[in-house]
Amino acid sequence: MEDSYKLFSEMERFEIINYNDGEKYGYLANNDIIIDEEGNLRILLIGDNKPRFSFLGGSNFTEIPWEYVKKIGTRTIIIDVDERNLKKTKI
């Protein structure tokens, strides 16, 4: 296998960090990726990890379009996005 390939099983342990404000969004394994029908990575779905007690409430997520992913390093995924440009969703 080529050195330039990254296996998803390895990437699950990568930490997501926003270069813009230094915010850490946890590890890829604790979040999700939306992939389109052609297999392209489109959106990182970052879960709201704030503890709360609710039976009827859904999960809150922040959508980060893949265009804001700037670098995938050896242990991190670096994004560069201003908080104002992020979309909040509830699933």
PDB file of N, CA and C in Angstrom:
ATOM      1  N   MET A   1       0.832  -1.171   0.000  1.00  0.00           N
ATOM      2  CA  MET A   1       0.000   0.000   0.000  1.00  0.00           C
ATOM      3  C   MET A   1       0.884   1.244   0.000  1.00  0.00           C
ATOM      4  N   GLU A   2       0.435   2.281  -0.700  1.00  0.00           N
ATOM      5  CA  GLU A   2       1.226   3.507  -0.805  1.00  0.00           C
ATOM      6  C   GLU A   2       1.254   4.261   0.516  1.00  0.00           C
ATOM      7  N   ASP A   3       2.338   4.993   0.755  1.00  0.00           N
ATOM      8  CA  ASP A   3       2.485   5.785   1.975  1.00  0.00           C
ATOM      9  C   ASP A   3       1.503   6.947   2.044  1.00  0.00           C
ATOM     10  N   SER A   4       0.991   7.412   0.897  1.00  0.00           N
ATOM     11  CA  SER A   4       0.105   8.569   0.885  1.00  0.00           C
ATOM     12  C   SER A   4      -1.334   8.201   1.293  1.00  0.00           C
ATOM     13  N   TYR A   5      -1.639   6.914   1.391  1.00  0.00           N
ATOM     14  CA  TYR A   5      -2.974   6.478   1.793  1.00  0.00           C
ATOM     15  C   TYR A   5      -3.138   6.556   3.298  1.00  0.00           C
ATOM     16  N   LYS A   6      -4.354   6.887   3.727  1.00  0.00           N
ATOM     17  CA  LYS A   6      -4.695   6.855   5.147  1.00  0.00           C
ATOM     18  C   LYS A   6      -5.868   5.893   5.299  1.00  0.00           C
ATOM     19  N   LEU A   7      -5.762   4.976   6.224  1.00  0.00           N
ATOM     20  CA  LEU A   7      -6.848   4.054   6.503  1.00  0.00           C
ATOM     21  C   LEU A   7      -7.802   4.687   7.502  1.00  0.00           C
ATOM     22  N   PHE A   8      -9.107   4.519   7.279  1.00  0.00           N
ATOM     23  CA  PHE A   8     -10.077   5.111   8.197  1.00  0.00           C
ATOM     24  C   PHE A   8      -9.905   4.554   9.604  1.00  0.00           C
ATOM     25  N   SER A   9      -9.537   3.292   9.715  1.00  0.00           N
ATOM     26  CA  SER A   9      -9.331   2.698  11.039  1.00  0.00           C
ATOM     27  C   SER A   9      -8.218   3.407  11.805  1.00  0.00           C
ATOM     28  N   GLU A  10      -7.256   3.963  11.095  1.00  0.00           N
ATOM     29  CA  GLU A  10      -6.205   4.757  11.736  1.00  0.00           C
ATOM     30  C   GLU A  10      -6.692   6.179  12.008  1.00  0.00           C
ATOM     31  N   MET A  11      -7.473   6.731  11.089  1.00  0.00           N
ATOM     32  CA  MET A  11      -7.941   8.106  11.212  1.00  0.00           C
ATOM     33  C   MET A  11      -8.955   8.287  12.339  1.00  0.00           C
ATOM     34  N   GLU A  12      -9.588   7.224  12.767  1.00  0.00           N
ATOM     35  CA  GLU A  12     -10.545   7.319  13.871  1.00  0.00           C
ATOM     36  C   GLU A  12      -9.905   7.922  15.113  1.00  0.00           C
ATOM     37  N   ARG A  13      -8.612   7.730  15.257  1.00  0.00           N
ATOM     38  CA  ARG A  13      -7.883   8.228  16.437  1.00  0.00           C
ATOM     39  C   ARG A  13      -7.324   9.636  16.230  1.00  0.00           C
ATOM     40  N   PHE A  14      -7.592  10.250  15.088  1.00  0.00           N
ATOM     41  CA  PHE A  14      -7.097  11.593  14.805  1.00  0.00           C
ATOM     42  C   PHE A  14      -7.952  12.621  15.539  1.00  0.00           C
ATOM     43  N   GLU A  15      -7.288  13.612  16.141  1.00  0.00           N
ATOM     44  CA  GLU A  15      -7.998  14.682  16.829  1.00  0.00           C
ATOM     45  C   GLU A  15      -8.284  15.815  15.842  1.00  0.00           C
ATOM     46  N   ILE A  16      -9.481  16.399  15.938  1.00  0.00           N
ATOM     47  CA  ILE A  16      -9.888  17.487  15.057  1.00  0.00           C
ATOM     48  C   ILE A  16      -9.644  18.801  15.791  1.00  0.00           C
ATOM     49  N   ILE A  17      -8.831  19.680  15.179  1.00  0.00           N
ATOM     50  CA  ILE A  17      -8.456  20.946  15.796  1.00  0.00           C
ATOM     51  C   ILE A  17      -8.696  22.079  14.800  1.00  0.00           C
ATOM     52  N   ASN A  18      -9.306  23.156  15.296  1.00  0.00           N
ATOM     53  CA  ASN A  18      -9.549  24.328  14.469  1.00  0.00           C
ATOM     54  C   ASN A  18      -8.376  25.290  14.596  1.00  0.00           C
ATOM     55  N   TYR A  19      -7.680  25.492  13.505  1.00  0.00           N
ATOM     56  CA  TYR A  19      -6.534  26.396  13.463  1.00  0.00           C
ATOM     57  C   TYR A  19      -6.952  27.833  13.769  1.00  0.00           C
ATOM     58  N   ASN A  20      -8.170  28.195  13.370  1.00  0.00           N
ATOM     59  CA  ASN A  20      -8.655  29.562  13.509  1.00  0.00           C
ATOM     60  C   ASN A  20      -8.713  30.021  14.957  1.00  0.00           C
ATOM     61  N   ASP A  21      -9.215  29.158  15.863  1.00  0.00           N
ATOM     62  CA  ASP A  21      -9.373  29.575  17.257  1.00  0.00           C
ATOM     63  C   ASP A  21      -8.786  28.588  18.268  1.00  0.00           C
ATOM     64  N   GLY A  22      -8.143  27.526  17.789  1.00  0.00           N
ATOM     65  CA  GLY A  22      -7.520  26.553  18.683  1.00  0.00           C
ATOM     66  C   GLY A  22      -8.488  25.584  19.330  1.00  0.00           C
ATOM     67  N   GLU A  23      -9.768  25.642  18.964  1.00  0.00           N
ATOM     68  CA  GLU A  23     -10.787  24.766  19.545  1.00  0.00           C
ATOM     69  C   GLU A  23     -10.511  23.309  19.161  1.00  0.00           C
ATOM     70  N   LYS A  24     -10.674  22.414  20.139  1.00  0.00           N
ATOM     71  CA  LYS A  24     -10.541  20.982  19.885  1.00  0.00           C
ATOM     72  C   LYS A  24     -11.944  20.385  19.828  1.00  0.00           C
ATOM     73  N   TYR A  25     -12.195  19.590  18.793  1.00  0.00           N
ATOM     74  CA  TYR A  25     -13.509  19.001  18.581  1.00  0.00           C
ATOM     75  C   TYR A  25     -13.538  17.502  18.863  1.00  0.00           C
ATOM     76  N   GLY A  26     -12.564  17.013  19.557  1.00  0.00           N
ATOM     77  CA  GLY A  26     -12.545  15.587  19.881  1.00  0.00           C
ATOM     78  C   GLY A  26     -11.906  14.779  18.770  1.00  0.00           C
ATOM     79  N   TYR A  27     -12.161  13.496  18.807  1.00  0.00           N
ATOM     80  CA  TYR A  27     -11.555  12.563  17.865  1.00  0.00           C
ATOM     81  C   TYR A  27     -12.548  12.195  16.772  1.00  0.00           C
ATOM     82  N   LEU A  28     -12.048  11.854  15.615  1.00  0.00           N
ATOM     83  CA  LEU A  28     -12.893  11.515  14.482  1.00  0.00           C
ATOM     84  C   LEU A  28     -13.834  10.364  14.822  1.00  0.00           C
ATOM     85  N   ALA A  29     -13.395   9.422  15.628  1.00  0.00           N
ATOM     86  CA  ALA A  29     -14.236   8.280  15.996  1.00  0.00           C
ATOM     87  C   ALA A  29     -15.483   8.707  16.760  1.00  0.00           C
ATOM     88  N   ASN A  30     -15.441   9.865  17.442  1.00  0.00           N
ATOM     89  CA  ASN A  30     -16.585  10.361  18.206  1.00  0.00           C
ATOM     90  C   ASN A  30     -17.480  11.274  17.386  1.00  0.00           C
ATOM     91  N   ASN A  31     -17.166  11.437  16.118  1.00  0.00           N
ATOM     92  CA  ASN A  31     -17.914  12.313  15.227  1.00  0.00           C
ATOM     93  C   ASN A  31     -18.263  11.547  13.960  1.00  0.00           C
ATOM     94  N   ASP A  32     -18.787  12.226  12.961  1.00  0.00           N
ATOM     95  CA  ASP A  32     -19.188  11.559  11.719  1.00  0.00           C
ATOM     96  C   ASP A  32     -18.713  12.333  10.507  1.00  0.00           C
ATOM     97  N   ILE A  33     -18.737  11.644   9.367  1.00  0.00           N
ATOM     98  CA  ILE A  33     -18.413  12.247   8.076  1.00  0.00           C
ATOM     99  C   ILE A  33     -19.566  11.941   7.131  1.00  0.00           C
ATOM    100  N   ILE A  34     -20.016  12.953   6.394  1.00  0.00           N
ATOM    101  CA  ILE A  34     -21.023  12.736   5.356  1.00  0.00           C
ATOM    102  C   ILE A  34     -20.276  12.567   4.039  1.00  0.00           C
ATOM    103  N   ILE A  35     -20.586  11.486   3.344  1.00  0.00           N
ATOM    104  CA  ILE A  35     -19.957  11.147   2.071  1.00  0.00           C
ATOM    105  C   ILE A  35     -21.053  11.143   1.006  1.00  0.00           C
ATOM    106  N   ASP A  36     -20.823  11.816  -0.125  1.00  0.00           N
ATOM    107  CA  ASP A  36     -21.848  11.864  -1.163  1.00  0.00           C
ATOM    108  C   ASP A  36     -21.894  10.556  -1.956  1.00  0.00           C
ATOM    109  N   GLU A  37     -22.817  10.489  -2.906  1.00  0.00           N
ATOM    110  CA  GLU A  37     -23.037   9.253  -3.681  1.00  0.00           C
ATOM    111  C   GLU A  37     -21.859   8.882  -4.568  1.00  0.00           C
ATOM    112  N   GLU A  38     -20.951   9.825  -4.808  1.00  0.00           N
ATOM    113  CA  GLU A  38     -19.765   9.553  -5.610  1.00  0.00           C
ATOM    114  C   GLU A  38     -18.565   9.175  -4.758  1.00  0.00           C
ATOM    115  N   GLY A  39     -18.741   9.150  -3.434  1.00  0.00           N
ATOM    116  CA  GLY A  39     -17.662   8.763  -2.536  1.00  0.00           C
ATOM    117  C   GLY A  39     -16.792   9.909  -2.061  1.00  0.00           C
ATOM    118  N   ASN A  40     -17.199  11.149  -2.356  1.00  0.00           N
ATOM    119  CA  ASN A  40     -16.430  12.322  -1.927  1.00  0.00           C
ATOM    120  C   ASN A  40     -16.810  12.716  -0.501  1.00  0.00           C
ATOM    121  N   LEU A  41     -15.814  13.090   0.279  1.00  0.00           N
ATOM    122  CA  LEU A  41     -16.064  13.558   1.639  1.00  0.00           C
ATOM    123  C   LEU A  41     -16.630  14.963   1.555  1.00  0.00           C
ATOM    124  N   ARG A  42     -17.788  15.190   2.180  1.00  0.00           N
ATOM    125  CA  ARG A  42     -18.462  16.477   2.059  1.00  0.00           C
ATOM    126  C   ARG A  42     -18.508  17.285   3.349  1.00  0.00           C
ATOM    127  N   ILE A  43     -18.863  16.633   4.461  1.00  0.00           N
ATOM    128  CA  ILE A  43     -19.091  17.368   5.703  1.00  0.00           C
ATOM    129  C   ILE A  43     -18.587  16.566   6.887  1.00  0.00           C
ATOM    130  N   LEU A  44     -17.906  17.242   7.808  1.00  0.00           N
ATOM    131  CA  LEU A  44     -17.616  16.672   9.120  1.00  0.00           C
ATOM    132  C   LEU A  44     -18.791  17.041  10.022  1.00  0.00           C
ATOM    133  N   LEU A  45     -19.381  16.078  10.677  1.00  0.00           N
ATOM    134  CA  LEU A  45     -20.440  16.329  11.649  1.00  0.00           C
ATOM    135  C   LEU A  45     -19.834  16.208  13.029  1.00  0.00           C
ATOM    136  N   ILE A  46     -19.715  17.315  13.715  1.00  0.00           N
ATOM    137  CA  ILE A  46     -19.106  17.347  15.028  1.00  0.00           C
ATOM    138  C   ILE A  46     -20.210  17.357  16.071  1.00  0.00           C
ATOM    139  N   GLY A  47     -20.241  16.339  16.907  1.00  0.00           N
ATOM    140  CA  GLY A  47     -21.264  16.230  17.932  1.00  0.00           C
ATOM    141  C   GLY A  47     -21.041  17.200  19.074  1.00  0.00           C
ATOM    142  N   ASP A  48     -22.157  17.671  19.635  1.00  0.00           N
ATOM    143  CA  ASP A  48     -22.110  18.526  20.817  1.00  0.00           C
ATOM    144  C   ASP A  48     -21.914  17.620  22.023  1.00  0.00           C
ATOM    145  N   ASN A  49     -20.742  17.652  22.605  1.00  0.00           N
ATOM    146  CA  ASN A  49     -20.406  16.737  23.692  1.00  0.00           C
ATOM    147  C   ASN A  49     -20.765  17.263  25.072  1.00  0.00           C
ATOM    148  N   LYS A  50     -21.551  18.335  25.127  1.00  0.00           N
ATOM    149  CA  LYS A  50     -21.947  18.872  26.414  1.00  0.00           C
ATOM    150  C   LYS A  50     -22.917  17.905  27.082  1.00  0.00           C
ATOM    151  N   PRO A  51     -22.638  17.526  28.316  1.00  0.00           N
ATOM    152  CA  PRO A  51     -23.544  16.586  28.979  1.00  0.00           C
ATOM    153  C   PRO A  51     -24.891  17.231  29.273  1.00  0.00           C
ATOM    154  N   ARG A  52     -25.941  16.498  28.972  1.00  0.00           N
ATOM    155  CA  ARG A  52     -27.291  16.952  29.299  1.00  0.00           C
ATOM    156  C   ARG A  52     -28.186  15.730  29.400  1.00  0.00           C
ATOM    157  N   PHE A  53     -29.244  15.884  30.108  1.00  0.00           N
ATOM    158  CA  PHE A  53     -30.163  14.783  30.363  1.00  0.00           C
ATOM    159  C   PHE A  53     -31.461  15.059  29.629  1.00  0.00           C
ATOM    160  N   SER A  54     -31.749  14.276  28.584  1.00  0.00           N
ATOM    161  CA  SER A  54     -32.963  14.497  27.815  1.00  0.00           C
ATOM    162  C   SER A  54     -33.361  13.215  27.092  1.00  0.00           C
ATOM    163  N   PHE A  55     -34.621  12.861  27.264  1.00  0.00           N
ATOM    164  CA  PHE A  55     -35.131  11.687  26.557  1.00  0.00           C
ATOM    165  C   PHE A  55     -35.673  12.060  25.180  1.00  0.00           C
ATOM    166  N   LEU A  56     -36.261  13.226  25.060  1.00  0.00           N
ATOM    167  CA  LEU A  56     -36.922  13.610  23.820  1.00  0.00           C
ATOM    168  C   LEU A  56     -36.050  14.458  22.910  1.00  0.00           C
ATOM    169  N   GLY A  57     -35.028  15.057  23.450  1.00  0.00           N
ATOM    170  CA  GLY A  57     -34.163  15.908  22.636  1.00  0.00           C
ATOM    171  C   GLY A  57     -33.257  15.082  21.750  1.00  0.00           C
ATOM    172  N   GLY A  58     -33.021  15.581  20.550  1.00  0.00           N
ATOM    173  CA  GLY A  58     -32.105  14.900  19.646  1.00  0.00           C
ATOM    174  C   GLY A  58     -30.680  15.314  19.946  1.00  0.00           C
ATOM    175  N   SER A  59     -29.798  14.895  19.085  1.00  0.00           N
ATOM    176  CA  SER A  59     -28.391  15.256  19.236  1.00  0.00           C
ATOM    177  C   SER A  59     -28.102  16.513  18.430  1.00  0.00           C
ATOM    178  N   ASN A  60     -27.317  17.407  19.001  1.00  0.00           N
ATOM    179  CA  ASN A  60     -26.903  18.631  18.308  1.00  0.00           C
ATOM    180  C   ASN A  60     -25.553  18.409  17.645  1.00  0.00           C
ATOM    181  N   PHE A  61     -25.439  18.905  16.416  1.00  0.00           N
ATOM    182  CA  PHE A  61     -24.215  18.752  15.650  1.00  0.00           C
ATOM    183  C   PHE A  61     -23.819  20.076  15.021  1.00  0.00           C
ATOM    184  N   THR A  62     -22.547  20.214  14.737  1.00  0.00           N
ATOM    185  CA  THR A  62     -22.021  21.322  13.951  1.00  0.00           C
ATOM    186  C   THR A  62     -21.538  20.746  12.635  1.00  0.00           C
ATOM    187  N   GLU A  63     -21.999  21.337  11.536  1.00  0.00           N
ATOM    188  CA  GLU A  63     -21.575  20.895  10.206  1.00  0.00           C
ATOM    189  C   GLU A  63     -20.357  21.696   9.769  1.00  0.00           C
ATOM    190  N   ILE A  64     -19.298  20.984   9.414  1.00  0.00           N
ATOM    191  CA  ILE A  64     -18.086  21.630   8.905  1.00  0.00           C
ATOM    192  C   ILE A  64     -17.854  21.114   7.484  1.00  0.00           C
ATOM    193  N   PRO A  65     -18.112  21.966   6.470  1.00  0.00           N
ATOM    194  CA  PRO A  65     -17.880  21.531   5.085  1.00  0.00           C
ATOM    195  C   PRO A  65     -16.430  21.105   4.890  1.00  0.00           C
ATOM    196  N   TRP A  66     -16.236  20.090   4.063  1.00  0.00           N
ATOM    197  CA  TRP A  66     -14.918  19.509   3.863  1.00  0.00           C
ATOM    198  C   TRP A  66     -13.917  20.526   3.326  1.00  0.00           C
ATOM    199  N   GLU A  67     -14.385  21.568   2.664  1.00  0.00           N
ATOM    200  CA  GLU A  67     -13.474  22.586   2.129  1.00  0.00           C
ATOM    201  C   GLU A  67     -12.684  23.297   3.234  1.00  0.00           C
ATOM    202  N   TYR A  68     -13.166  23.230   4.480  1.00  0.00           N
ATOM    203  CA  TYR A  68     -12.455  23.851   5.596  1.00  0.00           C
ATOM    204  C   TYR A  68     -11.391  22.931   6.197  1.00  0.00           C
ATOM    205  N   VAL A  69     -11.335  21.689   5.751  1.00  0.00           N
ATOM    206  CA  VAL A  69     -10.269  20.790   6.194  1.00  0.00           C
ATOM    207  C   VAL A  69      -9.012  21.190   5.437  1.00  0.00           C
ATOM    208  N   LYS A  70      -8.001  21.628   6.170  1.00  0.00           N
ATOM    209  CA  LYS A  70      -6.796  22.152   5.537  1.00  0.00           C
ATOM    210  C   LYS A  70      -5.654  21.153   5.495  1.00  0.00           C
ATOM    211  N   LYS A  71      -5.588  20.281   6.482  1.00  0.00           N
ATOM    212  CA  LYS A  71      -4.463  19.339   6.540  1.00  0.00           C
ATOM    213  C   LYS A  71      -4.863  18.127   7.359  1.00  0.00           C
ATOM    214  N   ILE A  72      -4.474  16.967   6.889  1.00  0.00           N
ATOM    215  CA  ILE A  72      -4.600  15.744   7.664  1.00  0.00           C
ATOM    216  C   ILE A  72      -3.186  15.309   7.979  1.00  0.00           C
ATOM    217  N   GLY A  73      -2.832  15.428   9.249  1.00  0.00           N
ATOM    218  CA  GLY A  73      -1.474  15.116   9.677  1.00  0.00           C
ATOM    219  C   GLY A  73      -1.340  13.673  10.116  1.00  0.00           C
ATOM    220  N   THR A  74      -0.334  13.409  10.926  1.00  0.00           N
ATOM    221  CA  THR A  74      -0.096  12.051  11.394  1.00  0.00           C
ATOM    222  C   THR A  74      -1.010  11.671  12.552  1.00  0.00           C
ATOM    223  N   ARG A  75      -1.519  12.675  13.284  1.00  0.00           N
ATOM    224  CA  ARG A  75      -2.422  12.401  14.408  1.00  0.00           C
ATOM    225  C   ARG A  75      -3.553  13.412  14.533  1.00  0.00           C
ATOM    226  N   THR A  76      -3.609  14.369  13.610  1.00  0.00           N
ATOM    227  CA  THR A  76      -4.618  15.417  13.705  1.00  0.00           C
ATOM    228  C   THR A  76      -5.256  15.706  12.345  1.00  0.00           C
ATOM    229  N   ILE A  77      -6.463  16.248  12.423  1.00  0.00           N
ATOM    230  CA  ILE A  77      -7.138  16.820  11.255  1.00  0.00           C
ATOM    231  C   ILE A  77      -7.272  18.307  11.567  1.00  0.00           C
ATOM    232  N   ILE A  78      -6.631  19.136  10.755  1.00  0.00           N
ATOM    233  CA  ILE A  78      -6.625  20.571  10.985  1.00  0.00           C
ATOM    234  C   ILE A  78      -7.679  21.213  10.093  1.00  0.00           C
ATOM    235  N   ILE A  79      -8.591  21.953  10.729  1.00  0.00           N
ATOM    236  CA  ILE A  79      -9.581  22.719   9.985  1.00  0.00           C
ATOM    237  C   ILE A  79      -9.298  24.184  10.231  1.00  0.00           C
ATOM    238  N   ASP A  80      -9.785  25.036   9.347  1.00  0.00           N
ATOM    239  CA  ASP A  80      -9.621  26.480   9.515  1.00  0.00           C
ATOM    240  C   ASP A  80     -10.940  27.133   9.145  1.00  0.00           C
ATOM    241  N   VAL A  81     -11.750  27.404  10.167  1.00  0.00           N
ATOM    242  CA  VAL A  81     -13.072  27.977   9.930  1.00  0.00           C
ATOM    243  C   VAL A  81     -13.453  28.859  11.110  1.00  0.00           C
ATOM    244  N   ASP A  82     -14.102  29.971  10.791  1.00  0.00           N
ATOM    245  CA  ASP A  82     -14.625  30.864  11.821  1.00  0.00           C
ATOM    246  C   ASP A  82     -15.951  30.298  12.321  1.00  0.00           C
ATOM    247  N   GLU A  83     -16.172  30.369  13.607  1.00  0.00           N
ATOM    248  CA  GLU A  83     -17.392  29.837  14.236  1.00  0.00           C
ATOM    249  C   GLU A  83     -18.657  30.383  13.571  1.00  0.00           C
ATOM    250  N   ARG A  84     -18.611  31.617  13.097  1.00  0.00           N
ATOM    251  CA  ARG A  84     -19.794  32.228  12.463  1.00  0.00           C
ATOM    252  C   ARG A  84     -20.166  31.556  11.148  1.00  0.00           C
ATOM    253  N   ASN A  85     -19.234  30.827  10.527  1.00  0.00           N
ATOM    254  CA  ASN A  85     -19.501  30.170   9.244  1.00  0.00           C
ATOM    255  C   ASN A  85     -20.000  28.736   9.399  1.00  0.00           C
ATOM    256  N   LEU A  86     -20.207  28.290  10.616  1.00  0.00           N
ATOM    257  CA  LEU A  86     -20.629  26.918  10.857  1.00  0.00           C
ATOM    258  C   LEU A  86     -22.139  26.825  11.010  1.00  0.00           C
ATOM    259  N   LYS A  87     -22.692  25.742  10.526  1.00  0.00           N
ATOM    260  CA  LYS A  87     -24.123  25.499  10.612  1.00  0.00           C
ATOM    261  C   LYS A  87     -24.386  24.505  11.739  1.00  0.00           C
ATOM    262  N   LYS A  88     -25.329  24.834  12.600  1.00  0.00           N
ATOM    263  CA  LYS A  88     -25.748  23.939  13.691  1.00  0.00           C
ATOM    264  C   LYS A  88     -26.971  23.163  13.225  1.00  0.00           C
ATOM    265  N   THR A  89     -26.979  21.842  13.498  1.00  0.00           N
ATOM    266  CA  THR A  89     -28.114  21.007  13.128  1.00  0.00           C
ATOM    267  C   THR A  89     -28.508  20.134  14.310  1.00  0.00           C
ATOM    268  N   LYS A  90     -29.699  19.610  14.252  1.00  0.00           N
ATOM    269  CA  LYS A  90     -30.185  18.709  15.280  1.00  0.00           C
ATOM    270  C   LYS A  90     -30.730  17.456  14.607  1.00  0.00           C
ATOM    271  N   ILE A  91     -30.269  16.312  15.053  1.00  0.00           N
ATOM    272  CA  ILE A  91     -30.703  15.046  14.451  1.00  0.00           C
ATOM    273  C   ILE A  91     -31.416  14.236  15.505  1.00  0.00           C
TER     274      ILE A  91
END
